[in-house]
N, C-alpha and C. Protein backbone atom coordinates (compact mmCIF):
# COMPACT_ATOMS: atom_id res chain seq x y z
N MET A 1 0.85 -1.19 0.00
CA MET A 1 0.00 0.00 0.00
C MET A 1 0.89 1.24 0.00
N PRO A 2 0.69 2.16 -0.95
CA PRO A 2 1.52 3.37 -1.00
C PRO A 2 1.33 4.23 0.24
N ALA A 3 2.37 4.93 0.58
CA ALA A 3 2.31 5.82 1.73
C ALA A 3 1.82 7.20 1.30
N THR A 4 1.37 7.97 2.27
CA THR A 4 0.98 9.35 2.02
C THR A 4 2.18 10.10 1.46
N LYS A 5 1.96 10.89 0.43
CA LYS A 5 3.05 11.63 -0.21
C LYS A 5 3.61 12.72 0.70
N SER A 6 2.74 13.45 1.38
CA SER A 6 3.19 14.53 2.25
C SER A 6 2.03 14.94 3.14
N PRO A 7 2.31 15.74 4.17
CA PRO A 7 1.22 16.25 5.00
C PRO A 7 0.23 17.09 4.18
N GLU A 8 0.72 17.77 3.16
CA GLU A 8 -0.15 18.58 2.31
C GLU A 8 -1.11 17.70 1.50
N HIS A 9 -0.59 16.59 0.97
CA HIS A 9 -1.44 15.66 0.23
C HIS A 9 -2.49 15.06 1.16
N ALA A 10 -2.08 14.74 2.38
CA ALA A 10 -3.03 14.19 3.36
C ALA A 10 -4.12 15.21 3.69
N ALA A 11 -3.74 16.47 3.83
CA ALA A 11 -4.71 17.53 4.15
C ALA A 11 -5.70 17.73 3.00
N LEU A 12 -5.21 17.68 1.76
CA LEU A 12 -6.11 17.79 0.62
C LEU A 12 -7.05 16.59 0.57
N GLY A 13 -6.53 15.42 0.85
CA GLY A 13 -7.36 14.22 0.87
C GLY A 13 -8.46 14.30 1.90
N ARG A 14 -8.12 14.79 3.09
CA ARG A 14 -9.14 14.95 4.15
C ARG A 14 -10.18 15.97 3.72
N ALA A 15 -9.75 17.04 3.06
CA ALA A 15 -10.68 18.06 2.59
C ALA A 15 -11.66 17.47 1.58
N LEU A 16 -11.14 16.67 0.67
CA LEU A 16 -12.00 16.05 -0.33
C LEU A 16 -12.97 15.07 0.33
N ARG A 17 -12.47 14.23 1.22
CA ARG A 17 -13.33 13.26 1.90
C ARG A 17 -14.44 13.96 2.68
N GLU A 18 -14.09 14.99 3.44
CA GLU A 18 -15.09 15.72 4.24
C GLU A 18 -16.15 16.34 3.34
N THR A 19 -15.72 16.94 2.25
CA THR A 19 -16.66 17.58 1.33
C THR A 19 -17.56 16.54 0.69
N ARG A 20 -16.97 15.43 0.27
CA ARG A 20 -17.75 14.36 -0.36
C ARG A 20 -18.80 13.81 0.62
N LEU A 21 -18.38 13.54 1.84
CA LEU A 21 -19.31 13.00 2.84
C LEU A 21 -20.40 14.00 3.19
N ASN A 22 -20.05 15.27 3.27
CA ASN A 22 -21.05 16.31 3.54
C ASN A 22 -22.09 16.40 2.44
N HIS A 23 -21.74 15.95 1.25
CA HIS A 23 -22.68 15.95 0.13
C HIS A 23 -23.36 14.59 -0.04
N GLY A 24 -23.09 13.68 0.89
CA GLY A 24 -23.76 12.38 0.89
C GLY A 24 -23.40 11.48 -0.28
N LEU A 25 -22.17 11.60 -0.77
CA LEU A 25 -21.75 10.80 -1.92
C LEU A 25 -20.74 9.73 -1.51
N SER A 26 -20.83 8.59 -2.15
CA SER A 26 -19.81 7.56 -1.99
C SER A 26 -18.64 7.91 -2.90
N GLN A 27 -17.50 7.27 -2.68
CA GLN A 27 -16.37 7.46 -3.59
C GLN A 27 -16.77 7.05 -5.00
N GLU A 28 -17.51 5.96 -5.09
CA GLU A 28 -17.92 5.46 -6.39
C GLU A 28 -18.79 6.48 -7.14
N GLU A 29 -19.75 7.08 -6.44
CA GLU A 29 -20.64 8.05 -7.08
C GLU A 29 -19.87 9.31 -7.48
N LEU A 30 -18.99 9.79 -6.61
CA LEU A 30 -18.19 10.96 -6.96
C LEU A 30 -17.31 10.66 -8.17
N ALA A 31 -16.67 9.50 -8.16
CA ALA A 31 -15.81 9.13 -9.28
C ALA A 31 -16.61 9.08 -10.59
N PHE A 32 -17.79 8.49 -10.55
CA PHE A 32 -18.63 8.42 -11.75
C PHE A 32 -18.96 9.82 -12.26
N ARG A 33 -19.39 10.69 -11.36
CA ARG A 33 -19.76 12.05 -11.75
C ARG A 33 -18.58 12.84 -12.31
N ALA A 34 -17.38 12.56 -11.80
CA ALA A 34 -16.18 13.30 -12.22
C ALA A 34 -15.46 12.62 -13.38
N GLY A 35 -15.93 11.44 -13.79
CA GLY A 35 -15.27 10.73 -14.88
C GLY A 35 -13.96 10.10 -14.47
N LEU A 36 -13.89 9.65 -13.21
CA LEU A 36 -12.67 9.05 -12.68
C LEU A 36 -12.96 7.63 -12.19
N HIS A 37 -11.92 6.91 -11.87
CA HIS A 37 -12.08 5.58 -11.26
C HIS A 37 -12.18 5.76 -9.75
N ARG A 38 -12.99 4.93 -9.11
CA ARG A 38 -13.16 5.02 -7.66
C ARG A 38 -11.83 4.88 -6.93
N ASN A 39 -10.95 4.01 -7.42
CA ASN A 39 -9.65 3.83 -6.76
C ASN A 39 -8.81 5.11 -6.81
N TYR A 40 -8.98 5.88 -7.88
CA TYR A 40 -8.24 7.13 -8.00
C TYR A 40 -8.73 8.13 -6.95
N VAL A 41 -10.05 8.23 -6.80
CA VAL A 41 -10.61 9.12 -5.78
C VAL A 41 -10.13 8.68 -4.40
N GLY A 42 -10.13 7.39 -4.13
CA GLY A 42 -9.64 6.88 -2.85
C GLY A 42 -8.18 7.23 -2.62
N GLY A 43 -7.38 7.14 -3.68
CA GLY A 43 -5.96 7.49 -3.56
C GLY A 43 -5.75 8.96 -3.24
N ILE A 44 -6.57 9.82 -3.83
CA ILE A 44 -6.49 11.25 -3.49
C ILE A 44 -6.86 11.44 -2.03
N GLU A 45 -7.95 10.81 -1.61
CA GLU A 45 -8.42 10.98 -0.23
C GLU A 45 -7.41 10.46 0.79
N ARG A 46 -6.66 9.44 0.42
CA ARG A 46 -5.64 8.90 1.33
C ARG A 46 -4.33 9.67 1.25
N GLY A 47 -4.24 10.65 0.34
CA GLY A 47 -3.02 11.44 0.19
C GLY A 47 -1.92 10.71 -0.55
N GLU A 48 -2.28 9.67 -1.30
CA GLU A 48 -1.29 8.87 -2.01
C GLU A 48 -1.03 9.36 -3.42
N ILE A 49 -1.93 10.17 -3.95
CA ILE A 49 -1.84 10.60 -5.34
C ILE A 49 -1.64 12.11 -5.42
N ASN A 50 -0.68 12.51 -6.23
CA ASN A 50 -0.46 13.92 -6.52
C ASN A 50 -1.30 14.23 -7.75
N THR A 51 -2.49 14.69 -7.54
CA THR A 51 -3.44 14.86 -8.63
C THR A 51 -3.23 16.17 -9.38
N SER A 52 -3.88 16.29 -10.51
CA SER A 52 -3.72 17.48 -11.34
C SER A 52 -4.80 18.52 -11.04
N PHE A 53 -4.54 19.72 -11.52
CA PHE A 53 -5.51 20.81 -11.40
C PHE A 53 -6.81 20.43 -12.11
N GLY A 54 -6.69 19.82 -13.28
CA GLY A 54 -7.86 19.42 -14.05
C GLY A 54 -8.74 18.45 -13.29
N VAL A 55 -8.12 17.52 -12.58
CA VAL A 55 -8.90 16.56 -11.79
C VAL A 55 -9.59 17.27 -10.63
N LEU A 56 -8.91 18.21 -10.00
CA LEU A 56 -9.54 18.96 -8.92
C LEU A 56 -10.76 19.74 -9.42
N ILE A 57 -10.65 20.29 -10.61
CA ILE A 57 -11.79 21.00 -11.21
C ILE A 57 -12.93 20.01 -11.46
N ALA A 58 -12.63 18.85 -12.02
CA ALA A 58 -13.67 17.84 -12.29
C ALA A 58 -14.34 17.38 -11.00
N VAL A 59 -13.56 17.20 -9.96
CA VAL A 59 -14.10 16.74 -8.68
C VAL A 59 -14.99 17.80 -8.05
N THR A 60 -14.54 19.04 -8.06
CA THR A 60 -15.37 20.08 -7.43
C THR A 60 -16.64 20.33 -8.24
N ARG A 61 -16.56 20.23 -9.55
CA ARG A 61 -17.78 20.35 -10.36
C ARG A 61 -18.74 19.21 -10.06
N ALA A 62 -18.20 18.00 -9.91
CA ALA A 62 -19.04 16.84 -9.59
C ALA A 62 -19.69 16.99 -8.22
N LEU A 63 -19.00 17.67 -7.31
CA LEU A 63 -19.54 17.92 -5.98
C LEU A 63 -20.49 19.13 -5.96
N GLY A 64 -20.42 19.95 -7.00
CA GLY A 64 -21.24 21.15 -7.04
C GLY A 64 -20.76 22.24 -6.11
N VAL A 65 -19.44 22.28 -5.90
CA VAL A 65 -18.85 23.32 -5.04
C VAL A 65 -17.76 24.04 -5.83
N PRO A 66 -17.48 25.29 -5.48
CA PRO A 66 -16.36 25.97 -6.14
C PRO A 66 -15.03 25.40 -5.66
N LEU A 67 -14.03 25.49 -6.50
CA LEU A 67 -12.70 25.03 -6.13
C LEU A 67 -12.24 25.70 -4.84
N SER A 68 -12.62 26.95 -4.65
CA SER A 68 -12.21 27.68 -3.44
C SER A 68 -12.70 26.98 -2.17
N HIS A 69 -13.84 26.31 -2.24
CA HIS A 69 -14.34 25.58 -1.06
C HIS A 69 -13.36 24.48 -0.66
N LEU A 70 -12.91 23.70 -1.65
CA LEU A 70 -11.98 22.62 -1.37
C LEU A 70 -10.66 23.18 -0.84
N ILE A 71 -10.20 24.28 -1.40
CA ILE A 71 -8.95 24.89 -0.96
C ILE A 71 -9.09 25.41 0.48
N GLU A 72 -10.22 26.02 0.80
CA GLU A 72 -10.45 26.48 2.18
C GLU A 72 -10.43 25.31 3.15
N GLN A 73 -11.06 24.19 2.77
CA GLN A 73 -11.04 23.00 3.62
C GLN A 73 -9.61 22.48 3.76
N TYR A 74 -8.88 22.46 2.65
CA TYR A 74 -7.48 22.04 2.68
C TYR A 74 -6.67 22.90 3.64
N GLU A 75 -6.83 24.22 3.54
CA GLU A 75 -6.06 25.12 4.40
C GLU A 75 -6.40 24.90 5.86
N SER A 76 -7.65 24.65 6.16
CA SER A 76 -8.05 24.37 7.53
C SER A 76 -7.41 23.06 8.02
N ASN A 77 -7.44 22.04 7.18
CA ASN A 77 -6.83 20.74 7.54
C ASN A 77 -5.32 20.83 7.65
N ASP A 78 -4.70 21.61 6.77
CA ASP A 78 -3.25 21.74 6.77
C ASP A 78 -2.77 22.41 8.06
N ARG A 79 -3.55 23.39 8.55
CA ARG A 79 -3.17 24.06 9.81
C ARG A 79 -3.31 23.11 10.99
N GLU A 80 -4.29 22.20 10.91
CA GLU A 80 -4.52 21.26 12.01
C GLU A 80 -3.47 20.15 12.04
N GLY A 81 -2.80 19.94 10.89
CA GLY A 81 -1.77 18.93 10.82
C GLY A 81 -2.33 17.61 10.66
């Protein structure tokens, strides 16, 4: 099992997971809506994948939130460590 890439990747993953759960979506449903594989979404949430800007846009659109929402969640998680 791959390790977390960095504390920043872990914080982004927590932000994505929290946002997804707050919207009542499974990883599978989010992945379908964003045109991704469920395992890829899981890897982002675990902080194992260094994802692209394009994927972040697809994920936030699938969640129906602005990218700034995910970044604000990330910044909050990053400060908490």
